[in-house]
Amino acid sequence: MQITQAGVSGAPNMTTTATVITAARRDTWGESDMPMPEAPKPDTVDRMSIGPSGVAWINQYEMRPFSGGIPAKWDDSLKHSETRIWLRDAQARPLDFASLAAMSDMFYPRVWLRRAKHVPAGTVSITTYFHAGPEQLAEVGTGYLLGRATGQQFFNGFFDQTAHLWSEKGKLLATSNQIVYYKE
Protein backbone atom coordinates (compact mmCIF):
# COMPACT_ATOMS: atom_id res chain seq x y z
CA MET A 1 0.00 0.00 0.00
CA GLN A 2 1.07 3.57 -0.55
CA ILE A 3 -0.27 6.80 0.90
CA THR A 4 0.35 10.00 -1.02
CA GLN A 5 -0.48 13.63 -0.39
CA ALA A 6 0.04 16.76 -2.43
CA GLY A 7 3.42 18.41 -2.02
CA VAL A 8 4.18 22.13 -2.17
CA SER A 9 3.92 22.09 -5.98
CA GLY A 10 0.63 20.18 -5.86
CA ALA A 11 2.19 17.01 -7.26
CA PRO A 12 1.52 13.84 -5.28
CA ASN A 13 4.31 12.76 -2.91
CA MET A 14 4.48 9.32 -1.36
CA THR A 15 4.43 9.72 2.44
CA THR A 16 3.89 6.17 3.70
CA THR A 17 4.20 2.61 2.47
CA ALA A 18 2.87 -0.53 4.10
CA THR A 19 2.85 -4.25 3.56
CA VAL A 20 -0.04 -6.29 4.91
CA ILE A 21 0.27 -10.03 5.28
CA THR A 22 -2.84 -12.07 5.96
CA ALA A 23 -3.37 -15.77 6.60
CA ALA A 24 -6.16 -18.16 7.46
CA ARG A 25 -6.25 -18.84 11.21
CA ARG A 26 -7.08 -22.34 12.34
CA ASP A 27 -8.34 -23.47 15.73
CA THR A 28 -5.32 -24.92 17.55
CA TRP A 29 -3.87 -25.00 21.03
CA GLY A 30 -2.66 -21.59 22.17
CA GLU A 31 -1.27 -19.91 25.27
CA SER A 32 0.51 -16.65 26.11
CA ASP A 33 3.98 -16.49 27.62
CA MET A 34 3.53 -12.73 28.09
CA PRO A 35 1.29 -12.28 31.13
CA MET A 36 -0.35 -8.93 31.76
CA PRO A 37 1.64 -6.95 34.35
CA GLU A 38 0.08 -5.93 37.65
CA ALA A 39 -1.88 -2.74 37.22
CA PRO A 40 -4.30 -0.59 39.19
CA LYS A 41 -7.88 -0.46 37.90
CA PRO A 42 -8.29 2.10 35.09
CA ASP A 43 -10.79 4.25 36.99
CA THR A 44 -8.27 4.69 39.84
CA VAL A 45 -5.68 6.28 37.52
CA ASP A 46 -5.86 9.96 36.55
CA ARG A 47 -6.48 10.70 32.91
CA MET A 48 -3.61 12.47 31.16
CA SER A 49 -4.93 15.94 30.48
CA ILE A 50 -2.34 17.41 28.15
CA GLY A 51 0.75 16.44 26.23
CA PRO A 52 3.51 18.37 24.51
CA SER A 53 2.34 21.16 22.21
CA GLY A 54 2.13 20.23 18.54
CA VAL A 55 1.43 16.54 19.23
CA ALA A 56 -2.17 16.23 18.01
CA TRP A 57 -2.47 12.43 18.00
CA ILE A 58 -2.39 12.38 21.81
CA ASN A 59 -5.92 13.82 21.78
CA GLN A 60 -7.20 10.75 19.91
CA TYR A 61 -6.85 8.60 23.05
CA GLU A 62 -7.99 8.56 26.63
CA MET A 63 -4.70 7.78 28.35
CA ARG A 64 -4.19 6.93 31.99
CA PRO A 65 -0.46 6.37 32.59
CA PHE A 66 0.46 4.90 35.95
CA SER A 67 4.20 4.62 35.28
CA GLY A 68 6.43 6.27 32.72
CA GLY A 69 4.16 9.16 31.78
CA ILE A 70 5.26 12.01 29.52
CA PRO A 71 7.84 14.00 31.53
CA ALA A 72 6.44 16.95 33.46
CA LYS A 73 9.80 18.72 33.04
CA TRP A 74 12.04 18.54 29.97
CA ASP A 75 15.25 18.63 32.02
CA ASP A 76 17.41 16.10 30.12
CA SER A 77 17.44 13.80 33.15
CA LEU A 78 17.96 10.09 32.51
CA LYS A 79 15.09 7.74 33.32
CA HIS A 80 13.92 4.27 32.35
CA SER A 81 11.98 4.15 29.07
CA GLU A 82 9.12 1.89 30.19
CA THR A 83 5.54 3.14 30.18
CA ARG A 84 2.51 1.34 31.59
CA ILE A 85 -0.79 2.92 30.67
CA TRP A 86 -4.51 2.29 30.39
CA LEU A 87 -5.87 3.57 27.08
CA ARG A 88 -8.83 3.59 24.74
CA ASP A 89 -10.15 5.75 21.92
CA ALA A 90 -11.11 9.24 23.15
CA GLN A 91 -14.35 9.01 21.17
CA ALA A 92 -15.91 5.76 22.41
CA ARG A 93 -16.16 3.09 19.73
CA PRO A 94 -15.98 -0.70 19.85
CA LEU A 95 -12.43 -1.99 19.43
CA ASP A 96 -11.64 -3.19 15.92
CA PHE A 97 -8.42 -4.12 14.13
CA ALA A 98 -7.84 -0.63 12.71
CA SER A 99 -8.09 0.88 16.19
CA LEU A 100 -5.91 -1.87 17.69
CA ALA A 101 -3.25 -1.22 15.02
CA ALA A 102 -3.35 2.52 15.74
CA MET A 103 -3.07 1.92 19.49
CA SER A 104 0.01 -0.24 18.95
CA ASP A 105 1.67 2.95 17.67
CA MET A 106 0.24 5.45 20.19
CA PHE A 107 3.17 5.33 22.59
CA TYR A 108 5.10 8.59 22.49
CA PRO A 109 8.76 8.26 21.52
CA ARG A 110 10.72 6.38 24.17
CA VAL A 111 13.58 8.87 23.82
CA TRP A 112 11.31 11.56 25.31
CA LEU A 113 10.90 9.49 28.45
CA ARG A 114 14.42 8.06 28.59
CA ARG A 115 16.05 11.51 28.43
CA ALA A 116 13.21 13.85 29.42
CA LYS A 117 14.05 15.79 26.28
CA HIS A 118 11.47 16.77 23.65
CA VAL A 119 13.26 16.06 20.36
CA PRO A 120 11.79 15.52 16.89
CA ALA A 121 11.12 11.82 16.31
CA GLY A 122 9.26 9.64 13.85
CA THR A 123 8.54 5.98 13.17
CA VAL A 124 10.73 4.51 10.44
CA SER A 125 9.19 1.05 10.51
CA ILE A 126 6.62 -0.71 12.69
CA THR A 127 5.41 -4.29 12.66
CA THR A 128 2.24 -5.09 14.58
CA TYR A 129 1.11 -8.62 15.34
CA PHE A 130 -2.51 -9.37 16.23
CA HIS A 131 -3.01 -12.14 18.80
CA ALA A 132 -6.81 -12.03 18.92
CA GLY A 133 -9.77 -12.51 16.66
CA PRO A 134 -12.99 -10.55 16.23
CA GLU A 135 -14.58 -12.32 19.22
CA GLN A 136 -11.84 -11.16 21.61
CA LEU A 137 -12.06 -7.60 20.27
CA ALA A 138 -15.85 -7.65 20.71
CA GLU A 139 -15.34 -8.69 24.36
CA VAL A 140 -13.32 -5.48 24.89
CA GLY A 141 -16.03 -3.29 23.36
CA THR A 142 -15.27 0.30 24.41
CA GLY A 143 -13.22 -0.81 27.43
CA TYR A 144 -9.62 -0.06 28.24
CA LEU A 145 -6.47 -1.76 27.04
CA LEU A 146 -3.39 -2.04 29.20
CA GLY A 147 -0.37 -0.92 27.24
CA ARG A 148 3.29 -1.45 28.03
CA ALA A 149 6.11 -0.04 25.92
CA THR A 150 9.84 0.03 26.47
CA GLY A 151 12.88 1.11 24.48
CA GLN A 152 15.67 -1.35 23.87
CA GLN A 153 18.64 0.46 22.34
CA PHE A 154 19.29 4.15 21.60
CA PHE A 155 22.14 4.64 19.12
CA ASN A 156 23.18 7.22 16.50
CA GLY A 157 19.78 8.87 16.15
CA PHE A 158 17.65 5.72 16.20
CA PHE A 159 16.03 3.53 18.83
CA ASP A 160 13.87 0.46 18.80
CA GLN A 161 10.95 -0.27 21.07
CA THR A 162 8.46 -3.00 21.83
CA ALA A 163 4.85 -2.58 22.87
CA HIS A 164 2.21 -4.95 24.25
CA LEU A 165 -1.56 -4.44 24.52
CA TRP A 166 -3.81 -6.52 26.80
CA SER A 167 -7.55 -6.47 27.43
CA GLU A 168 -8.74 -5.69 30.96
CA LYS A 169 -9.29 -9.45 31.35
CA GLY A 170 -5.59 -10.10 30.68
CA LYS A 171 -5.78 -11.34 27.07
CA LEU A 172 -2.74 -10.32 25.01
CA LEU A 173 -4.31 -8.70 21.94
CA ALA A 174 -1.35 -7.26 20.03
CA THR A 175 2.39 -6.72 20.13
CA SER A 176 4.52 -4.37 18.05
CA ASN A 177 8.15 -3.68 17.31
CA GLN A 178 9.37 -0.49 15.76
CA ILE A 179 12.45 1.49 14.90
CA VAL A 180 12.26 5.24 15.43
CA TYR A 181 14.43 8.12 14.19
CA TYR A 182 15.20 11.02 16.50
CA LYS A 183 17.02 14.26 15.82
CA GLU A 184 19.15 16.46 18.00
C-alpha atoms as a PDB file:
ATOM      1  CA  MET A   1       0.000   0.000   0.000  1.00  0.00           C
ATOM      2  CA  GLN A   2       1.065   3.570  -0.546  1.00  0.00           C
ATOM      3  CA  ILE A   3      -0.271   6.796   0.903  1.00  0.00           C
ATOM      4  CA  THR A   4       0.348   9.999  -1.019  1.00  0.00           C
ATOM      5  CA  GLN A   5      -0.476  13.629  -0.393  1.00  0.00           C
ATOM      6  CA  ALA A   6       0.042  16.757  -2.425  1.00  0.00           C
ATOM      7  CA  GLY A   7       3.417  18.410  -2.017  1.00  0.00           C
ATOM      8  CA  VAL A   8       4.178  22.132  -2.175  1.00  0.00           C
ATOM      9  CA  SER A   9       3.918  22.086  -5.979  1.00  0.00           C
ATOM     10  CA  GLY A  10       0.634  20.179  -5.860  1.00  0.00           C
ATOM     11  CA  ALA A  11       2.191  17.014  -7.260  1.00  0.00           C
ATOM     12  CA  PRO A  12       1.520  13.835  -5.276  1.00  0.00           C
ATOM     13  CA  ASN A  13       4.309  12.760  -2.912  1.00  0.00           C
ATOM     14  CA  MET A  14       4.477   9.319  -1.358  1.00  0.00           C
ATOM     15  CA  THR A  15       4.425   9.716   2.442  1.00  0.00           C
ATOM     16  CA  THR A  16       3.892   6.169   3.695  1.00  0.00           C
ATOM     17  CA  THR A  17       4.204   2.611   2.475  1.00  0.00           C
ATOM     18  CA  ALA A  18       2.868  -0.532   4.101  1.00  0.00           C
ATOM     19  CA  THR A  19       2.849  -4.250   3.563  1.00  0.00           C
ATOM     20  CA  VAL A  20      -0.038  -6.286   4.910  1.00  0.00           C
ATOM     21  CA  ILE A  21       0.269 -10.035   5.285  1.00  0.00           C
ATOM     22  CA  THR A  22      -2.842 -12.066   5.960  1.00  0.00           C
ATOM     23  CA  ALA A  23      -3.374 -15.766   6.596  1.00  0.00           C
ATOM     24  CA  ALA A  24      -6.162 -18.159   7.462  1.00  0.00           C
ATOM     25  CA  ARG A  25      -6.246 -18.845  11.212  1.00  0.00           C
ATOM     26  CA  ARG A  26      -7.078 -22.342  12.341  1.00  0.00           C
ATOM     27  CA  ASP A  27      -8.338 -23.474  15.731  1.00  0.00           C
ATOM     28  CA  THR A  28      -5.322 -24.919  17.548  1.00  0.00           C
ATOM     29  CA  TRP A  29      -3.870 -25.000  21.027  1.00  0.00           C
ATOM     30  CA  GLY A  30      -2.661 -21.592  22.175  1.00  0.00           C
ATOM     31  CA  GLU A  31      -1.271 -19.912  25.271  1.00  0.00           C
ATOM     32  CA  SER A  32       0.508 -16.653  26.108  1.00  0.00           C
ATOM     33  CA  ASP A  33       3.981 -16.487  27.620  1.00  0.00           C
ATOM     34  CA  MET A  34       3.532 -12.729  28.091  1.00  0.00           C
ATOM     35  CA  PRO A  35       1.291 -12.283  31.135  1.00  0.00           C
ATOM     36  CA  MET A  36      -0.346  -8.933  31.757  1.00  0.00           C
ATOM     37  CA  PRO A  37       1.643  -6.947  34.348  1.00  0.00           C
ATOM     38  CA  GLU A  38       0.084  -5.934  37.649  1.00  0.00           C
ATOM     39  CA  ALA A  39      -1.876  -2.741  37.223  1.00  0.00           C
ATOM     40  CA  PRO A  40      -4.305  -0.590  39.191  1.00  0.00           C
ATOM     41  CA  LYS A  41      -7.884  -0.457  37.901  1.00  0.00           C
ATOM     42  CA  PRO A  42      -8.288   2.101  35.088  1.00  0.00           C
ATOM     43  CA  ASP A  43     -10.788   4.249  36.989  1.00  0.00           C
ATOM     44  CA  THR A  44      -8.270   4.692  39.839  1.00  0.00           C
ATOM     45  CA  VAL A  45      -5.676   6.276  37.525  1.00  0.00           C
ATOM     46  CA  ASP A  46      -5.855   9.959  36.555  1.00  0.00           C
ATOM     47  CA  ARG A  47      -6.485  10.700  32.912  1.00  0.00           C
ATOM     48  CA  MET A  48      -3.614  12.473  31.161  1.00  0.00           C
ATOM     49  CA  SER A  49      -4.929  15.944  30.482  1.00  0.00           C
ATOM     50  CA  ILE A  50      -2.342  17.412  28.150  1.00  0.00           C
ATOM     51  CA  GLY A  51       0.746  16.439  26.227  1.00  0.00           C
ATOM     52  CA  PRO A  52       3.514  18.365  24.509  1.00  0.00           C
ATOM     53  CA  SER A  53       2.336  21.161  22.206  1.00  0.00           C
ATOM     54  CA  GLY A  54       2.134  20.234  18.541  1.00  0.00           C
ATOM     55  CA  VAL A  55       1.431  16.536  19.230  1.00  0.00           C
ATOM     56  CA  ALA A  56      -2.167  16.229  18.013  1.00  0.00           C
ATOM     57  CA  TRP A  57      -2.469  12.428  18.003  1.00  0.00           C
ATOM     58  CA  ILE A  58      -2.390  12.381  21.812  1.00  0.00           C
ATOM     59  CA  ASN A  59      -5.924  13.822  21.783  1.00  0.00           C
ATOM     60  CA  GLN A  60      -7.203  10.746  19.911  1.00  0.00           C
ATOM     61  CA  TYR A  61      -6.852   8.598  23.048  1.00  0.00           C
ATOM     62  CA  GLU A  62      -7.986   8.563  26.634  1.00  0.00           C
ATOM     63  CA  MET A  63      -4.699   7.776  28.349  1.00  0.00           C
ATOM     64  CA  ARG A  64      -4.192   6.929  31.993  1.00  0.00           C
ATOM     65  CA  PRO A  65      -0.462   6.370  32.593  1.00  0.00           C
ATOM     66  CA  PHE A  66       0.464   4.901  35.952  1.00  0.00           C
ATOM     67  CA  SER A  67       4.197   4.619  35.276  1.00  0.00           C
ATOM     68  CA  GLY A  68       6.433   6.266  32.716  1.00  0.00           C
ATOM     69  CA  GLY A  69       4.156   9.165  31.775  1.00  0.00           C
ATOM     70  CA  ILE A  70       5.261  12.007  29.524  1.00  0.00           C
ATOM     71  CA  PRO A  71       7.841  13.995  31.529  1.00  0.00           C
ATOM     72  CA  ALA A  72       6.439  16.950  33.457  1.00  0.00           C
ATOM     73  CA  LYS A  73       9.797  18.715  33.036  1.00  0.00           C
ATOM     74  CA  TRP A  74      12.040  18.540  29.975  1.00  0.00           C
ATOM     75  CA  ASP A  75      15.249  18.631  32.017  1.00  0.00           C
ATOM     76  CA  ASP A  76      17.412  16.102  30.118  1.00  0.00           C
ATOM     77  CA  SER A  77      17.443  13.796  33.147  1.00  0.00           C
ATOM     78  CA  LEU A  78      17.955  10.095  32.515  1.00  0.00           C
ATOM     79  CA  LYS A  79      15.093   7.744  33.317  1.00  0.00           C
ATOM     80  CA  HIS A  80      13.925   4.269  32.346  1.00  0.00           C
ATOM     81  CA  SER A  81      11.982   4.149  29.069  1.00  0.00           C
ATOM     82  CA  GLU A  82       9.122   1.892  30.190  1.00  0.00           C
ATOM     83  CA  THR A  83       5.538   3.141  30.175  1.00  0.00           C
ATOM     84  CA  ARG A  84       2.508   1.337  31.593  1.00  0.00           C
ATOM     85  CA  ILE A  85      -0.792   2.915  30.670  1.00  0.00           C
ATOM     86  CA  TRP A  86      -4.512   2.290  30.390  1.00  0.00           C
ATOM     87  CA  LEU A  87      -5.869   3.575  27.083  1.00  0.00           C
ATOM     88  CA  ARG A  88      -8.827   3.590  24.741  1.00  0.00           C
ATOM     89  CA  ASP A  89     -10.149   5.751  21.923  1.00  0.00           C
ATOM     90  CA  ALA A  90     -11.106   9.242  23.147  1.00  0.00           C
ATOM     91  CA  GLN A  91     -14.350   9.006  21.174  1.00  0.00           C
ATOM     92  CA  ALA A  92     -15.909   5.763  22.406  1.00  0.00           C
ATOM     93  CA  ARG A  93     -16.160   3.088  19.733  1.00  0.00           C
ATOM     94  CA  PRO A  94     -15.978  -0.700  19.853  1.00  0.00           C
ATOM     95  CA  LEU A  95     -12.434  -1.993  19.430  1.00  0.00           C
ATOM     96  CA  ASP A  96     -11.641  -3.194  15.915  1.00  0.00           C
ATOM     97  CA  PHE A  97      -8.419  -4.124  14.129  1.00  0.00           C
ATOM     98  CA  ALA A  98      -7.842  -0.630  12.714  1.00  0.00           C
ATOM     99  CA  SER A  99      -8.090   0.878  16.190  1.00  0.00           C
ATOM    100  CA  LEU A 100      -5.907  -1.866  17.688  1.00  0.00           C
ATOM    101  CA  ALA A 101      -3.249  -1.223  15.025  1.00  0.00           C
ATOM    102  CA  ALA A 102      -3.352   2.516  15.744  1.00  0.00           C
ATOM    103  CA  MET A 103      -3.066   1.920  19.491  1.00  0.00           C
ATOM    104  CA  SER A 104       0.007  -0.238  18.945  1.00  0.00           C
ATOM    105  CA  ASP A 105       1.668   2.952  17.668  1.00  0.00           C
ATOM    106  CA  MET A 106       0.235   5.448  20.193  1.00  0.00           C
ATOM    107  CA  PHE A 107       3.173   5.333  22.590  1.00  0.00           C
ATOM    108  CA  TYR A 108       5.097   8.586  22.495  1.00  0.00           C
ATOM    109  CA  PRO A 109       8.763   8.263  21.523  1.00  0.00           C
ATOM    110  CA  ARG A 110      10.725   6.378  24.168  1.00  0.00           C
ATOM    111  CA  VAL A 111      13.581   8.867  23.820  1.00  0.00           C
ATOM    112  CA  TRP A 112      11.312  11.560  25.312  1.00  0.00           C
ATOM    113  CA  LEU A 113      10.896   9.491  28.452  1.00  0.00           C
ATOM    114  CA  ARG A 114      14.417   8.059  28.587  1.00  0.00           C
ATOM    115  CA  ARG A 115      16.048  11.507  28.427  1.00  0.00           C
ATOM    116  CA  ALA A 116      13.206  13.854  29.416  1.00  0.00           C
ATOM    117  CA  LYS A 117      14.052  15.794  26.279  1.00  0.00           C
ATOM    118  CA  HIS A 118      11.473  16.774  23.653  1.00  0.00           C
ATOM    119  CA  VAL A 119      13.257  16.056  20.364  1.00  0.00           C
ATOM    120  CA  PRO A 120      11.789  15.524  16.888  1.00  0.00           C
ATOM    121  CA  ALA A 121      11.125  11.816  16.313  1.00  0.00           C
ATOM    122  CA  GLY A 122       9.260   9.641  13.854  1.00  0.00           C
ATOM    123  CA  THR A 123       8.544   5.983  13.174  1.00  0.00           C
ATOM    124  CA  VAL A 124      10.726   4.508  10.440  1.00  0.00           C
ATOM    125  CA  SER A 125       9.188   1.049  10.510  1.00  0.00           C
ATOM    126  CA  ILE A 126       6.616  -0.707  12.686  1.00  0.00           C
ATOM    127  CA  THR A 127       5.410  -4.286  12.655  1.00  0.00           C
ATOM    128  CA  THR A 128       2.244  -5.088  14.582  1.00  0.00           C
ATOM    129  CA  TYR A 129       1.107  -8.622  15.336  1.00  0.00           C
ATOM    130  CA  PHE A 130      -2.506  -9.369  16.230  1.00  0.00           C
ATOM    131  CA  HIS A 131      -3.012 -12.140  18.799  1.00  0.00           C
ATOM    132  CA  ALA A 132      -6.807 -12.032  18.923  1.00  0.00           C
ATOM    133  CA  GLY A 133      -9.768 -12.508  16.656  1.00  0.00           C
ATOM    134  CA  PRO A 134     -12.993 -10.545  16.232  1.00  0.00           C
ATOM    135  CA  GLU A 135     -14.579 -12.323  19.219  1.00  0.00           C
ATOM    136  CA  GLN A 136     -11.845 -11.160  21.612  1.00  0.00           C
ATOM    137  CA  LEU A 137     -12.058  -7.600  20.272  1.00  0.00           C
ATOM    138  CA  ALA A 138     -15.848  -7.645  20.708  1.00  0.00           C
ATOM    139  CA  GLU A 139     -15.336  -8.691  24.360  1.00  0.00           C
ATOM    140  CA  VAL A 140     -13.320  -5.482  24.892  1.00  0.00           C
ATOM    141  CA  GLY A 141     -16.027  -3.291  23.359  1.00  0.00           C
ATOM    142  CA  THR A 142     -15.265   0.295  24.406  1.00  0.00           C
ATOM    143  CA  GLY A 143     -13.224  -0.812  27.428  1.00  0.00           C
ATOM    144  CA  TYR A 144      -9.619  -0.055  28.235  1.00  0.00           C
ATOM    145  CA  LEU A 145      -6.473  -1.755  27.045  1.00  0.00           C
ATOM    146  CA  LEU A 146      -3.392  -2.042  29.202  1.00  0.00           C
ATOM    147  CA  GLY A 147      -0.367  -0.917  27.238  1.00  0.00           C
ATOM    148  CA  ARG A 148       3.286  -1.454  28.025  1.00  0.00           C
ATOM    149  CA  ALA A 149       6.114  -0.042  25.921  1.00  0.00           C
ATOM    150  CA  THR A 150       9.843   0.035  26.471  1.00  0.00           C
ATOM    151  CA  GLY A 151      12.882   1.107  24.483  1.00  0.00           C
ATOM    152  CA  GLN A 152      15.675  -1.348  23.875  1.00  0.00           C
ATOM    153  CA  GLN A 153      18.643   0.458  22.336  1.00  0.00           C
ATOM    154  CA  PHE A 154      19.294   4.146  21.601  1.00  0.00           C
ATOM    155  CA  PHE A 155      22.139   4.643  19.118  1.00  0.00           C
ATOM    156  CA  ASN A 156      23.182   7.216  16.502  1.00  0.00           C
ATOM    157  CA  GLY A 157      19.783   8.871  16.151  1.00  0.00           C
ATOM    158  CA  PHE A 158      17.648   5.718  16.204  1.00  0.00           C
ATOM    159  CA  PHE A 159      16.030   3.534  18.831  1.00  0.00           C
ATOM    160  CA  ASP A 160      13.871   0.463  18.803  1.00  0.00           C
ATOM    161  CA  GLN A 161      10.954  -0.265  21.072  1.00  0.00           C
ATOM    162  CA  THR A 162       8.459  -2.996  21.827  1.00  0.00           C
ATOM    163  CA  ALA A 163       4.846  -2.577  22.870  1.00  0.00           C
ATOM    164  CA  HIS A 164       2.208  -4.950  24.252  1.00  0.00           C
ATOM    165  CA  LEU A 165      -1.555  -4.439  24.524  1.00  0.00           C
ATOM    166  CA  TRP A 166      -3.810  -6.517  26.796  1.00  0.00           C
ATOM    167  CA  SER A 167      -7.554  -6.473  27.434  1.00  0.00           C
ATOM    168  CA  GLU A 168      -8.738  -5.687  30.956  1.00  0.00           C
ATOM    169  CA  LYS A 169      -9.288  -9.446  31.351  1.00  0.00           C
ATOM    170  CA  GLY A 170      -5.588 -10.103  30.681  1.00  0.00           C
ATOM    171  CA  LYS A 171      -5.779 -11.345  27.072  1.00  0.00           C
ATOM    172  CA  LEU A 172      -2.744 -10.319  25.010  1.00  0.00           C
ATOM    173  CA  LEU A 173      -4.311  -8.696  21.943  1.00  0.00           C
ATOM    174  CA  ALA A 174      -1.346  -7.261  20.027  1.00  0.00           C
ATOM    175  CA  THR A 175       2.394  -6.718  20.134  1.00  0.00           C
ATOM    176  CA  SER A 176       4.519  -4.372  18.055  1.00  0.00           C
ATOM    177  CA  ASN A 177       8.146  -3.684  17.311  1.00  0.00           C
ATOM    178  CA  GLN A 178       9.368  -0.490  15.764  1.00  0.00           C
ATOM    179  CA  ILE A 179      12.450   1.490  14.895  1.00  0.00           C
ATOM    180  CA  VAL A 180      12.261   5.243  15.430  1.00  0.00           C
ATOM    181  CA  TYR A 181      14.428   8.119  14.185  1.00  0.00           C
ATOM    182  CA  TYR A 182      15.199  11.020  16.502  1.00  0.00           C
ATOM    183  CA  LYS A 183      17.017  14.261  15.818  1.00  0.00           C
ATOM    184  CA  GLU A 184      19.154  16.465  18.001  1.00  0.00           C
END
